[in-house]
Amino acid sequence: MTSAYPDQPRLPLLTVEEARQAVRHLFLLEQLDLSPRGAAAGQLASELARRLPADG
C-alpha cells in the first residue's frame, strides 16, 4: 500500500436538485453582474445544465 485513507470523511456529491439550484443561481448571477464575471457564470451555467438529466 502506497498511501493512507484520509481521516476526514469525504463530502457527498450534489443531488440533481442541488445541481439545478446551483445552475439557476449562476444564471441569475449572469443577469445581475454585467461584467465578464457574470458572463463567465452564464457560460458555466450553460455547460453544467447540459450535463444534467432532462427529466426530473
N, C-alpha and C. Protein backbone atom coordinates (compact mmCIF):
# COMPACT_ATOMS: atom_id res chain seq x y z
N MET A 1 0.84 -1.17 0.00
CA MET A 1 0.00 0.00 0.00
C MET A 1 0.89 1.24 0.00
N THR A 2 0.62 2.15 -0.92
CA THR A 2 1.48 3.33 -1.06
C THR A 2 0.91 4.57 -0.41
N SER A 3 -0.35 4.57 -0.02
CA SER A 3 -0.93 5.76 0.61
C SER A 3 -1.95 5.34 1.65
N ALA A 4 -2.34 6.28 2.47
CA ALA A 4 -3.32 6.01 3.53
C ALA A 4 -4.65 6.66 3.15
N TYR A 5 -5.71 6.15 3.72
CA TYR A 5 -7.02 6.75 3.54
C TYR A 5 -7.10 8.04 4.34
N PRO A 6 -7.82 9.03 3.85
CA PRO A 6 -7.92 10.28 4.60
C PRO A 6 -8.70 10.08 5.91
N ASP A 7 -8.34 10.83 6.91
CA ASP A 7 -9.02 10.74 8.20
C ASP A 7 -10.42 11.37 8.15
N GLN A 8 -10.55 12.45 7.40
CA GLN A 8 -11.82 13.15 7.31
C GLN A 8 -12.75 12.46 6.31
N PRO A 9 -14.04 12.38 6.63
CA PRO A 9 -14.97 11.81 5.64
C PRO A 9 -15.10 12.75 4.44
N ARG A 10 -15.32 12.16 3.30
CA ARG A 10 -15.49 12.96 2.09
C ARG A 10 -16.89 13.54 2.03
N LEU A 11 -17.00 14.69 1.39
CA LEU A 11 -18.30 15.32 1.23
C LEU A 11 -19.11 14.54 0.20
N PRO A 12 -20.43 14.45 0.39
CA PRO A 12 -21.25 13.74 -0.59
C PRO A 12 -21.36 14.54 -1.89
N LEU A 13 -21.66 13.85 -2.96
CA LEU A 13 -21.89 14.50 -4.24
C LEU A 13 -23.17 15.30 -4.18
N LEU A 14 -23.32 16.27 -5.07
CA LEU A 14 -24.55 17.04 -5.15
C LEU A 14 -25.68 16.16 -5.67
N THR A 15 -26.87 16.43 -5.17
CA THR A 15 -28.04 15.78 -5.75
C THR A 15 -28.38 16.52 -7.05
N VAL A 16 -29.23 15.94 -7.86
CA VAL A 16 -29.64 16.59 -9.11
C VAL A 16 -30.35 17.90 -8.79
N GLU A 17 -31.19 17.90 -7.78
CA GLU A 17 -31.91 19.13 -7.42
C GLU A 17 -30.95 20.21 -6.94
N GLU A 18 -29.93 19.85 -6.19
CA GLU A 18 -28.94 20.83 -5.75
C GLU A 18 -28.16 21.38 -6.94
N ALA A 19 -27.85 20.54 -7.90
CA ALA A 19 -27.14 20.99 -9.10
C ALA A 19 -28.01 21.93 -9.92
N ARG A 20 -29.29 21.63 -10.03
CA ARG A 20 -30.21 22.51 -10.76
C ARG A 20 -30.32 23.86 -10.07
N GLN A 21 -30.37 23.85 -8.75
CA GLN A 21 -30.43 25.11 -8.00
C GLN A 21 -29.15 25.92 -8.22
N ALA A 22 -28.01 25.28 -8.24
CA ALA A 22 -26.76 25.98 -8.50
C ALA A 22 -26.77 26.60 -9.90
N VAL A 23 -27.29 25.88 -10.87
CA VAL A 23 -27.38 26.41 -12.24
C VAL A 23 -28.30 27.63 -12.27
N ARG A 24 -29.43 27.56 -11.56
CA ARG A 24 -30.34 28.71 -11.51
C ARG A 24 -29.64 29.93 -10.90
N HIS A 25 -28.87 29.71 -9.84
CA HIS A 25 -28.17 30.81 -9.20
C HIS A 25 -27.10 31.40 -10.13
N LEU A 26 -26.42 30.55 -10.88
CA LEU A 26 -25.42 31.05 -11.82
C LEU A 26 -26.06 31.87 -12.94
N PHE A 27 -27.22 31.43 -13.44
CA PHE A 27 -27.92 32.21 -14.46
C PHE A 27 -28.38 33.55 -13.89
N LEU A 28 -28.82 33.56 -12.64
CA LEU A 28 -29.22 34.81 -12.00
C LEU A 28 -28.02 35.74 -11.85
N LEU A 29 -26.89 35.20 -11.46
CA LEU A 29 -25.67 35.99 -11.36
C LEU A 29 -25.30 36.61 -12.70
N GLU A 30 -25.49 35.84 -13.76
CA GLU A 30 -25.20 36.35 -15.11
C GLU A 30 -26.06 37.58 -15.41
N GLN A 31 -27.34 37.54 -15.01
CA GLN A 31 -28.24 38.65 -15.28
C GLN A 31 -27.92 39.87 -14.42
N LEU A 32 -27.46 39.64 -13.20
CA LEU A 32 -27.23 40.75 -12.27
C LEU A 32 -25.84 41.37 -12.41
N ASP A 33 -24.88 40.61 -12.87
CA ASP A 33 -23.50 41.08 -12.98
C ASP A 33 -23.16 41.20 -14.46
N LEU A 34 -23.09 42.43 -14.93
CA LEU A 34 -22.86 42.66 -16.36
C LEU A 34 -21.38 42.69 -16.73
N SER A 35 -20.53 42.34 -15.78
CA SER A 35 -19.10 42.28 -16.04
C SER A 35 -18.75 40.94 -16.69
N PRO A 36 -17.50 40.78 -17.08
CA PRO A 36 -17.07 39.48 -17.62
C PRO A 36 -17.28 38.33 -16.64
N ARG A 37 -17.26 38.61 -15.36
CA ARG A 37 -17.50 37.56 -14.36
C ARG A 37 -18.94 37.04 -14.47
N GLY A 38 -19.89 37.93 -14.71
CA GLY A 38 -21.27 37.49 -14.91
C GLY A 38 -21.42 36.66 -16.16
N ALA A 39 -20.75 37.06 -17.22
CA ALA A 39 -20.79 36.28 -18.46
C ALA A 39 -20.18 34.90 -18.24
N ALA A 40 -19.12 34.83 -17.47
CA ALA A 40 -18.49 33.53 -17.17
C ALA A 40 -19.44 32.66 -16.36
N ALA A 41 -20.18 33.26 -15.45
CA ALA A 41 -21.16 32.50 -14.67
C ALA A 41 -22.23 31.91 -15.58
N GLY A 42 -22.67 32.69 -16.55
CA GLY A 42 -23.66 32.19 -17.51
C GLY A 42 -23.12 31.07 -18.36
N GLN A 43 -21.87 31.18 -18.78
CA GLN A 43 -21.24 30.12 -19.57
C GLN A 43 -21.14 28.83 -18.75
N LEU A 44 -20.71 28.97 -17.51
CA LEU A 44 -20.61 27.80 -16.63
C LEU A 44 -21.99 27.18 -16.41
N ALA A 45 -23.00 28.01 -16.20
CA ALA A 45 -24.36 27.51 -16.00
C ALA A 45 -24.82 26.72 -17.22
N SER A 46 -24.54 27.23 -18.41
CA SER A 46 -24.94 26.53 -19.64
C SER A 46 -24.25 25.18 -19.75
N GLU A 47 -22.96 25.15 -19.46
CA GLU A 47 -22.22 23.89 -19.54
C GLU A 47 -22.73 22.87 -18.52
N LEU A 48 -22.98 23.34 -17.30
CA LEU A 48 -23.50 22.43 -16.27
C LEU A 48 -24.90 21.95 -16.60
N ALA A 49 -25.74 22.83 -17.11
CA ALA A 49 -27.13 22.46 -17.43
C ALA A 49 -27.17 21.36 -18.48
N ARG A 50 -26.24 21.40 -19.44
CA ARG A 50 -26.21 20.35 -20.47
C ARG A 50 -25.84 18.99 -19.89
N ARG A 51 -25.18 18.97 -18.75
CA ARG A 51 -24.74 17.70 -18.15
C ARG A 51 -25.79 17.11 -17.22
N LEU A 52 -26.84 17.86 -16.91
CA LEU A 52 -27.89 17.36 -16.01
C LEU A 52 -28.92 16.55 -16.78
N PRO A 53 -29.52 15.57 -16.13
CA PRO A 53 -30.58 14.81 -16.80
C PRO A 53 -31.77 15.73 -17.13
N ALA A 54 -32.40 15.47 -18.25
CA ALA A 54 -33.52 16.31 -18.69
C ALA A 54 -34.78 16.05 -17.88
N ASP A 55 -34.99 14.84 -17.45
CA ASP A 55 -36.22 14.53 -16.71
C ASP A 55 -36.01 14.77 -15.22
N GLY A 56 -37.11 14.88 -14.51
CA GLY A 56 -36.99 15.00 -13.08
C GLY A 56 -37.71 16.14 -12.58
